[in-house]
Amino acid sequence: MAKSTGDKELEKIYQELKNASKGSSYSSHSSYDSDSSEGGDLLKFFIGLLLLGGGLFMIFNNLSVTSTWGGGGYFFHIGSFHLPNGMIMLPMIAGIAMLFLMDRKIFGWVVLAIGILIVLLSVLLTTRLYWRTTSAYIFVIMFGMVAAGAGMVLRELFRKR
């Protein structure tokens, strides 16, 4: 019986693959090797995450956060014009009132959102971060852990497979 052209092509492809696998340096356990390599990559990724998280924890643990909001009773100063802290709550209170008074509530929601944004910005803009005194050794350890962890995580994330 004569072989069809489809059978001949499949046999040719099979022979090419067989010859290519003989010439390669992979053993018959190449799938096992790639699985163990992927497990090592995953382990490196999680070790990097632990280093990154531990370093960030140590850095944030050495920061003190204070706020000057409410200090002196004023939030906003321009020359001799001072805006008291209570005044920044007015848009939020007006927005809540509009939600109950108006038929079209969209304008009330917009005013309420602007009021909440003003309050959040006033707190964030008056926040100050202070670095606590630490030794140079701990400083290098903290930032070294962050750099090593970030490097390991990024290396595993962007590795070409």
N, C-alpha and C. Protein backbone atom coordinates (compact mmCIF):
# COMPACT_ATOMS: atom_id res chain seq x y z
N MET A 1 0.82 -1.20 0.00
CA MET A 1 0.00 0.00 0.00
C MET A 1 0.86 1.25 0.00
N ALA A 2 0.47 2.22 -0.74
CA ALA A 2 1.22 3.47 -0.82
C ALA A 2 0.75 4.41 0.30
N LYS A 3 1.71 5.14 0.83
CA LYS A 3 1.39 6.09 1.89
C LYS A 3 0.87 7.38 1.27
N SER A 4 -0.09 7.98 1.94
CA SER A 4 -0.61 9.25 1.44
C SER A 4 0.39 10.37 1.75
N THR A 5 0.20 11.51 1.13
CA THR A 5 1.13 12.63 1.34
C THR A 5 1.06 13.15 2.77
N GLY A 6 -0.12 13.07 3.37
CA GLY A 6 -0.27 13.51 4.77
C GLY A 6 0.53 12.63 5.70
N ASP A 7 0.51 11.29 5.46
CA ASP A 7 1.29 10.36 6.28
C ASP A 7 2.79 10.59 6.10
N LYS A 8 3.20 10.87 4.87
CA LYS A 8 4.62 11.12 4.60
C LYS A 8 5.10 12.38 5.33
N GLU A 9 4.27 13.41 5.31
CA GLU A 9 4.64 14.67 5.98
C GLU A 9 4.73 14.46 7.49
N LEU A 10 3.78 13.73 8.07
CA LEU A 10 3.81 13.46 9.50
C LEU A 10 5.04 12.65 9.87
N GLU A 11 5.37 11.67 9.05
CA GLU A 11 6.55 10.84 9.33
C GLU A 11 7.82 11.68 9.22
N LYS A 12 7.88 12.59 8.26
CA LYS A 12 9.03 13.46 8.10
C LYS A 12 9.20 14.37 9.33
N ILE A 13 8.09 14.96 9.79
CA ILE A 13 8.13 15.82 10.98
C ILE A 13 8.55 15.02 12.20
N TYR A 14 8.05 13.79 12.32
CA TYR A 14 8.42 12.93 13.44
C TYR A 14 9.91 12.63 13.43
N GLN A 15 10.45 12.34 12.27
CA GLN A 15 11.88 12.03 12.15
C GLN A 15 12.73 13.26 12.49
N GLU A 16 12.28 14.44 12.05
CA GLU A 16 13.02 15.67 12.36
C GLU A 16 13.03 15.92 13.87
N LEU A 17 11.90 15.75 14.51
CA LEU A 17 11.83 15.93 15.96
C LEU A 17 12.69 14.91 16.69
N LYS A 18 12.67 13.68 16.20
CA LYS A 18 13.47 12.62 16.81
C LYS A 18 14.96 12.92 16.68
N ASN A 19 15.39 13.37 15.52
CA ASN A 19 16.78 13.72 15.29
C ASN A 19 17.18 14.94 16.12
N ALA A 20 16.28 15.92 16.23
CA ALA A 20 16.58 17.12 17.00
C ALA A 20 16.73 16.78 18.48
N SER A 21 15.91 15.86 18.97
CA SER A 21 16.00 15.50 20.38
C SER A 21 17.26 14.70 20.68
N LYS A 22 17.77 13.94 19.70
CA LYS A 22 19.01 13.19 19.90
C LYS A 22 20.19 14.15 19.99
N GLY A 23 20.16 15.20 19.20
CA GLY A 23 21.27 16.14 19.16
C GLY A 23 21.27 17.13 20.30
N SER A 24 20.17 17.26 20.99
CA SER A 24 20.12 18.24 22.08
C SER A 24 20.72 17.66 23.35
N SER A 25 21.04 18.54 24.28
CA SER A 25 21.69 18.10 25.52
C SER A 25 20.67 17.72 26.60
N TYR A 26 19.40 17.76 26.27
CA TYR A 26 18.38 17.41 27.26
C TYR A 26 18.33 15.90 27.44
N SER A 27 18.10 15.50 28.68
CA SER A 27 17.93 14.07 28.94
C SER A 27 16.46 13.73 28.83
N SER A 28 16.16 12.48 29.09
CA SER A 28 14.77 12.06 29.01
C SER A 28 13.94 12.65 30.15
N HIS A 29 14.62 13.25 31.14
CA HIS A 29 13.92 13.84 32.28
C HIS A 29 13.87 15.36 32.15
N SER A 30 13.85 15.88 30.93
CA SER A 30 13.89 17.33 30.75
C SER A 30 12.64 17.99 31.31
N SER A 31 11.50 17.34 31.26
CA SER A 31 10.31 17.96 31.83
C SER A 31 10.42 18.02 33.34
N TYR A 32 11.08 17.03 33.95
CA TYR A 32 11.29 17.07 35.40
C TYR A 32 12.22 18.21 35.76
N ASP A 33 13.27 18.42 34.97
CA ASP A 33 14.22 19.49 35.24
C ASP A 33 13.54 20.85 35.15
N SER A 34 12.68 21.05 34.15
CA SER A 34 12.03 22.34 34.02
C SER A 34 11.04 22.55 35.16
N ASP A 35 10.39 21.50 35.64
CA ASP A 35 9.47 21.66 36.76
C ASP A 35 10.23 22.05 38.02
N SER A 36 11.39 21.43 38.26
CA SER A 36 12.14 21.77 39.46
C SER A 36 12.71 23.18 39.34
N SER A 37 13.03 23.61 38.12
CA SER A 37 13.52 24.97 37.91
C SER A 37 12.42 25.98 38.21
N GLU A 38 11.20 25.66 37.78
CA GLU A 38 10.09 26.56 38.07
C GLU A 38 9.82 26.62 39.56
N GLY A 39 9.99 25.52 40.27
CA GLY A 39 9.82 25.53 41.71
C GLY A 39 10.87 26.41 42.37
N GLY A 40 12.10 26.37 41.87
CA GLY A 40 13.16 27.23 42.38
C GLY A 40 12.88 28.69 42.10
N ASP A 41 12.32 28.96 40.91
CA ASP A 41 11.96 30.33 40.57
C ASP A 41 10.88 30.85 41.51
N LEU A 42 9.90 30.01 41.81
CA LEU A 42 8.83 30.40 42.71
C LEU A 42 9.37 30.64 44.11
N LEU A 43 10.30 29.80 44.55
CA LEU A 43 10.92 29.98 45.86
C LEU A 43 11.69 31.30 45.91
N LYS A 44 12.44 31.62 44.85
CA LYS A 44 13.17 32.89 44.80
C LYS A 44 12.20 34.07 44.84
N PHE A 45 11.08 33.94 44.15
CA PHE A 45 10.08 35.01 44.14
C PHE A 45 9.56 35.26 45.55
N PHE A 46 9.20 34.20 46.27
CA PHE A 46 8.65 34.38 47.61
C PHE A 46 9.71 34.83 48.61
N ILE A 47 10.94 34.39 48.46
CA ILE A 47 12.02 34.90 49.32
C ILE A 47 12.21 36.39 49.06
N GLY A 48 12.15 36.79 47.79
CA GLY A 48 12.22 38.21 47.45
C GLY A 48 11.09 39.00 48.06
N LEU A 49 9.87 38.43 48.03
CA LEU A 49 8.74 39.11 48.66
C LEU A 49 8.94 39.27 50.16
N LEU A 50 9.47 38.22 50.80
CA LEU A 50 9.74 38.31 52.24
C LEU A 50 10.79 39.36 52.55
N LEU A 51 11.85 39.41 51.77
CA LEU A 51 12.88 40.43 51.97
C LEU A 51 12.31 41.83 51.77
N LEU A 52 11.55 42.01 50.71
CA LEU A 52 10.94 43.30 50.41
C LEU A 52 9.99 43.72 51.52
N GLY A 53 9.12 42.81 51.94
CA GLY A 53 8.17 43.13 53.00
C GLY A 53 8.85 43.42 54.33
N GLY A 54 9.87 42.62 54.67
CA GLY A 54 10.58 42.85 55.92
C GLY A 54 11.31 44.17 55.92
N GLY A 55 11.96 44.51 54.80
CA GLY A 55 12.65 45.79 54.72
C GLY A 55 11.70 46.97 54.80
N LEU A 56 10.57 46.89 54.09
CA LEU A 56 9.58 47.97 54.16
C LEU A 56 8.99 48.10 55.56
N PHE A 57 8.78 46.96 56.22
CA PHE A 57 8.28 47.00 57.60
C PHE A 57 9.26 47.74 58.50
N MET A 58 10.54 47.43 58.36
CA MET A 58 11.55 48.09 59.20
C MET A 58 11.63 49.59 58.90
N ILE A 59 11.52 49.95 57.62
CA ILE A 59 11.56 51.37 57.25
C ILE A 59 10.36 52.11 57.84
N PHE A 60 9.17 51.56 57.63
CA PHE A 60 7.97 52.24 58.13
C PHE A 60 7.92 52.24 59.66
N ASN A 61 8.58 51.28 60.28
CA ASN A 61 8.62 51.23 61.73
C ASN A 61 9.51 52.35 62.29
N ASN A 62 10.43 52.87 61.49
CA ASN A 62 11.32 53.95 61.93
C ASN A 62 10.81 55.34 61.56
N LEU A 63 9.62 55.44 61.02
CA LEU A 63 9.02 56.73 60.70
C LEU A 63 8.02 57.13 61.77
N SER A 64 8.06 58.39 62.16
CA SER A 64 7.03 58.94 63.06
C SER A 64 6.16 59.87 62.23
N VAL A 65 4.87 59.75 62.40
CA VAL A 65 3.92 60.56 61.66
C VAL A 65 3.22 61.49 62.61
N THR A 66 3.25 62.79 62.31
CA THR A 66 2.53 63.78 63.11
C THR A 66 1.70 64.63 62.17
N SER A 67 0.77 65.36 62.75
CA SER A 67 -0.08 66.23 61.96
C SER A 67 -0.19 67.57 62.66
N THR A 68 -0.19 68.61 61.86
CA THR A 68 -0.38 69.95 62.41
C THR A 68 -1.82 70.41 62.21
N TRP A 69 -2.69 69.48 61.78
CA TRP A 69 -4.09 69.85 61.56
C TRP A 69 -4.70 70.20 62.91
N GLY A 70 -5.31 71.33 62.98
CA GLY A 70 -5.90 71.77 64.24
C GLY A 70 -4.94 72.58 65.08
N GLY A 71 -3.67 72.58 64.70
CA GLY A 71 -2.70 73.38 65.44
C GLY A 71 -2.95 74.85 65.17
N GLY A 72 -3.31 75.60 66.17
CA GLY A 72 -3.62 77.01 66.00
C GLY A 72 -5.03 77.23 65.50
N GLY A 73 -5.75 76.19 65.17
CA GLY A 73 -7.13 76.32 64.74
C GLY A 73 -7.30 76.74 63.29
N TYR A 74 -6.20 76.89 62.54
CA TYR A 74 -6.29 77.34 61.17
C TYR A 74 -5.65 76.31 60.24
N PHE A 75 -6.28 76.12 59.11
CA PHE A 75 -5.74 75.21 58.10
C PHE A 75 -5.04 75.97 57.00
N PHE A 76 -5.62 77.05 56.55
CA PHE A 76 -5.19 77.72 55.34
C PHE A 76 -4.81 79.16 55.66
N HIS A 77 -3.62 79.57 55.25
CA HIS A 77 -3.15 80.94 55.47
C HIS A 77 -2.73 81.55 54.14
N ILE A 78 -3.25 82.72 53.82
CA ILE A 78 -2.74 83.53 52.71
C ILE A 78 -2.64 84.95 53.26
N GLY A 79 -1.42 85.38 53.50
CA GLY A 79 -1.23 86.72 54.07
C GLY A 79 -1.92 86.81 55.41
N SER A 80 -2.85 87.75 55.51
CA SER A 80 -3.58 87.90 56.77
C SER A 80 -4.92 87.15 56.76
N PHE A 81 -5.22 86.46 55.65
CA PHE A 81 -6.47 85.69 55.56
C PHE A 81 -6.23 84.28 56.10
N HIS A 82 -7.01 83.90 57.09
CA HIS A 82 -6.91 82.57 57.69
C HIS A 82 -8.25 81.86 57.56
N LEU A 83 -8.20 80.61 57.11
CA LEU A 83 -9.41 79.79 56.99
C LEU A 83 -9.42 78.80 58.15
N PRO A 84 -10.39 78.93 59.07
CA PRO A 84 -10.44 78.01 60.22
C PRO A 84 -10.72 76.57 59.78
N ASN A 85 -10.30 75.62 60.60
CA ASN A 85 -10.49 74.21 60.28
C ASN A 85 -11.96 73.84 60.12
N GLY A 86 -12.82 74.41 60.90
CA GLY A 86 -14.24 74.09 60.81
C GLY A 86 -14.85 74.50 59.47
N MET A 87 -14.28 75.51 58.84
CA MET A 87 -14.81 76.00 57.57
C MET A 87 -14.64 74.98 56.44
N ILE A 88 -13.62 74.13 56.55
CA ILE A 88 -13.43 73.17 55.47
C ILE A 88 -14.47 72.06 55.53
N MET A 89 -15.22 71.97 56.62
CA MET A 89 -16.28 70.97 56.73
C MET A 89 -17.59 71.44 56.09
N LEU A 90 -17.68 72.72 55.79
CA LEU A 90 -18.94 73.26 55.26
C LEU A 90 -19.36 72.62 53.93
N PRO A 91 -18.48 72.42 52.95
CA PRO A 91 -18.95 71.77 51.71
C PRO A 91 -19.50 70.36 51.95
N MET A 92 -18.88 69.62 52.87
CA MET A 92 -19.37 68.27 53.16
C MET A 92 -20.75 68.32 53.83
N ILE A 93 -20.92 69.22 54.76
CA ILE A 93 -22.21 69.36 55.44
C ILE A 93 -23.28 69.84 54.45
N ALA A 94 -22.91 70.78 53.57
CA ALA A 94 -23.86 71.27 52.56
C ALA A 94 -24.24 70.15 51.60
N GLY A 95 -23.29 69.31 51.23
CA GLY A 95 -23.58 68.19 50.34
C GLY A 95 -24.56 67.21 50.96
N ILE A 96 -24.38 66.92 52.26
CA ILE A 96 -25.32 66.03 52.95
C ILE A 96 -26.70 66.65 53.00
N ALA A 97 -26.79 67.94 53.28
CA ALA A 97 -28.09 68.61 53.30
C ALA A 97 -28.75 68.58 51.93
N MET A 98 -27.97 68.78 50.87
CA MET A 98 -28.52 68.76 49.51
C MET A 98 -29.09 67.39 49.15
N LEU A 99 -28.47 66.33 49.66
CA LEU A 99 -28.97 64.99 49.37
C LEU A 99 -30.39 64.81 49.91
N PHE A 100 -30.71 65.45 51.01
CA PHE A 100 -32.04 65.30 51.60
C PHE A 100 -33.03 66.34 51.10
N LEU A 101 -32.55 67.47 50.62
CA LEU A 101 -33.45 68.55 50.24
C LEU A 101 -33.82 68.56 48.76
N MET A 102 -32.92 68.14 47.90
CA MET A 102 -33.13 68.30 46.46
C MET A 102 -33.69 67.03 45.83
N ASP A 103 -34.47 67.24 44.74
CA ASP A 103 -34.99 66.10 43.99
C ASP A 103 -33.90 65.46 43.14
N ARG A 104 -33.10 66.28 42.49
CA ARG A 104 -31.98 65.77 41.69
C ARG A 104 -30.77 65.68 42.61
N LYS A 105 -30.43 64.47 42.99
CA LYS A 105 -29.41 64.26 44.01
C LYS A 105 -27.98 64.31 43.46
N ILE A 106 -27.80 64.36 42.15
CA ILE A 106 -26.46 64.31 41.58
C ILE A 106 -25.63 65.51 42.03
N PHE A 107 -26.25 66.68 42.10
CA PHE A 107 -25.51 67.87 42.53
C PHE A 107 -25.10 67.74 44.01
N GLY A 108 -25.95 67.17 44.81
CA GLY A 108 -25.62 66.93 46.22
C GLY A 108 -24.45 65.96 46.36
N TRP A 109 -24.44 64.91 45.54
CA TRP A 109 -23.33 63.94 45.58
C TRP A 109 -22.03 64.59 45.15
N VAL A 110 -22.08 65.47 44.15
CA VAL A 110 -20.87 66.16 43.69
C VAL A 110 -20.32 67.06 44.80
N VAL A 111 -21.20 67.84 45.45
CA VAL A 111 -20.75 68.73 46.53
C VAL A 111 -20.22 67.91 47.70
N LEU A 112 -20.88 66.81 48.03
CA LEU A 112 -20.41 65.94 49.11
C LEU A 112 -19.03 65.36 48.78
N ALA A 113 -18.85 64.91 47.55
CA ALA A 113 -17.54 64.36 47.14
C ALA A 113 -16.45 65.42 47.22
N ILE A 114 -16.75 66.64 46.80
CA ILE A 114 -15.78 67.73 46.89
C ILE A 114 -15.46 68.02 48.35
N GLY A 115 -16.47 68.01 49.21
CA GLY A 115 -16.25 68.26 50.63
C GLY A 115 -15.36 67.19 51.26
N ILE A 116 -15.62 65.92 50.94
CA ILE A 116 -14.79 64.83 51.48
C ILE A 116 -13.36 64.96 50.95
N LEU A 117 -13.21 65.30 49.68
CA LEU A 117 -11.88 65.49 49.10
C LEU A 117 -11.13 66.63 49.80
N ILE A 118 -11.81 67.72 50.11
CA ILE A 118 -11.17 68.84 50.81
C ILE A 118 -10.71 68.42 52.20
N VAL A 119 -11.53 67.66 52.91
CA VAL A 119 -11.16 67.21 54.26
C VAL A 119 -9.95 66.28 54.19
N LEU A 120 -9.97 65.31 53.26
CA LEU A 120 -8.84 64.39 53.13
C LEU A 120 -7.56 65.12 52.73
N LEU A 121 -7.67 66.06 51.81
CA LEU A 121 -6.49 66.83 51.41
C LEU A 121 -5.95 67.67 52.56
N SER A 122 -6.85 68.25 53.36
CA SER A 122 -6.38 69.07 54.48
C SER A 122 -5.62 68.24 55.50
N VAL A 123 -6.05 67.00 55.72
CA VAL A 123 -5.33 66.13 56.65
C VAL A 123 -4.00 65.70 56.05
N LEU A 124 -4.00 65.30 54.77
CA LEU A 124 -2.76 64.87 54.13
C LEU A 124 -1.74 65.99 53.99
N LEU A 125 -2.20 67.20 53.69
CA LEU A 125 -1.29 68.31 53.49
C LEU A 125 -0.67 68.79 54.79
N THR A 126 -1.26 68.47 55.92
CA THR A 126 -0.70 68.90 57.20
C THR A 126 0.03 67.77 57.91
N THR A 127 0.25 66.65 57.23
CA THR A 127 0.94 65.51 57.82
C THR A 127 2.44 65.66 57.60
N ARG A 128 3.20 65.34 58.65
CA ARG A 128 4.66 65.40 58.56
C ARG A 128 5.24 64.07 58.98
N LEU A 129 6.28 63.64 58.25
CA LEU A 129 6.98 62.40 58.56
C LEU A 129 8.35 62.75 59.13
N TYR A 130 8.71 62.09 60.23
CA TYR A 130 10.02 62.29 60.84
C TYR A 130 10.72 60.95 60.93
N TRP A 131 12.00 60.92 60.56
CA TRP A 131 12.81 59.72 60.63
C TRP A 131 13.41 59.63 62.02
N ARG A 132 13.19 58.49 62.69
CA ARG A 132 13.78 58.28 64.01
C ARG A 132 15.27 58.01 63.87
N THR A 133 16.00 58.33 64.90
CA THR A 133 17.44 58.08 64.89
C THR A 133 17.71 56.59 64.90
N THR A 134 18.58 56.16 64.00
CA THR A 134 18.94 54.76 63.90
C THR A 134 20.42 54.65 63.53
N SER A 135 20.99 53.48 63.74
CA SER A 135 22.40 53.30 63.40
C SER A 135 22.56 53.10 61.90
N ALA A 136 23.77 53.33 61.42
CA ALA A 136 24.05 53.16 60.00
C ALA A 136 23.90 51.70 59.60
N TYR A 137 24.23 50.78 60.50
CA TYR A 137 24.11 49.35 60.23
C TYR A 137 22.65 48.98 59.94
N ILE A 138 21.75 49.42 60.81
CA ILE A 138 20.32 49.13 60.62
C ILE A 138 19.81 49.82 59.36
N PHE A 139 20.29 51.02 59.10
CA PHE A 139 19.89 51.74 57.90
C PHE A 139 20.26 50.95 56.64
N VAL A 140 21.49 50.44 56.59
CA VAL A 140 21.94 49.66 55.44
C VAL A 140 21.16 48.35 55.33
N ILE A 141 20.89 47.71 56.46
CA ILE A 141 20.11 46.46 56.46
C ILE A 141 18.72 46.71 55.89
N MET A 142 18.05 47.77 56.36
CA MET A 142 16.68 48.06 55.92
C MET A 142 16.62 48.28 54.41
N PHE A 143 17.44 49.19 53.92
CA PHE A 143 17.38 49.51 52.50
C PHE A 143 18.01 48.42 51.64
N GLY A 144 18.96 47.67 52.19
CA GLY A 144 19.52 46.53 51.48
C GLY A 144 18.48 45.43 51.29
N MET A 145 17.68 45.18 52.33
CA MET A 145 16.62 44.17 52.21
C MET A 145 15.60 44.58 51.15
N VAL A 146 15.24 45.86 51.14
CA VAL A 146 14.28 46.34 50.14
C VAL A 146 14.86 46.20 48.74
N ALA A 147 16.11 46.59 48.56
CA ALA A 147 16.72 46.52 47.23
C ALA A 147 16.88 45.06 46.77
N ALA A 148 17.35 44.19 47.67
CA ALA A 148 17.53 42.78 47.29
C ALA A 148 16.18 42.12 47.00
N GLY A 149 15.20 42.37 47.86
CA GLY A 149 13.87 41.78 47.65
C GLY A 149 13.22 42.27 46.37
N ALA A 150 13.30 43.58 46.12
CA ALA A 150 12.71 44.12 44.89
C ALA A 150 13.42 43.56 43.67
N GLY A 151 14.75 43.43 43.75
CA GLY A 151 15.50 42.87 42.63
C GLY A 151 15.11 41.43 42.35
N MET A 152 14.95 40.62 43.41
CA MET A 152 14.58 39.22 43.21
C MET A 152 13.17 39.10 42.63
N VAL A 153 12.25 39.90 43.16
CA VAL A 153 10.86 39.84 42.67
C VAL A 153 10.79 40.28 41.22
N LEU A 154 11.43 41.40 40.89
CA LEU A 154 11.39 41.89 39.51
C LEU A 154 12.09 40.93 38.55
N ARG A 155 13.18 40.31 39.01
CA ARG A 155 13.89 39.36 38.16
C ARG A 155 13.00 38.17 37.82
N GLU A 156 12.27 37.67 38.79
CA GLU A 156 11.39 36.53 38.53
C GLU A 156 10.16 36.92 37.73
N LEU A 157 9.68 38.13 37.93
CA LEU A 157 8.50 38.56 37.18
C LEU A 157 8.79 38.79 35.70
N PHE A 158 9.99 39.30 35.40
CA PHE A 158 10.30 39.66 34.02
C PHE A 158 11.26 38.67 33.36
N ARG A 159 11.43 37.49 33.95
CA ARG A 159 12.29 36.47 33.36
C ARG A 159 11.63 35.93 32.09
N LYS A 160 12.44 35.79 31.03
CA LYS A 160 11.93 35.21 29.79
C LYS A 160 11.91 33.71 29.92
N ARG A 161 10.80 33.11 29.60
CA ARG A 161 10.65 31.66 29.75
C ARG A 161 10.55 31.03 28.39
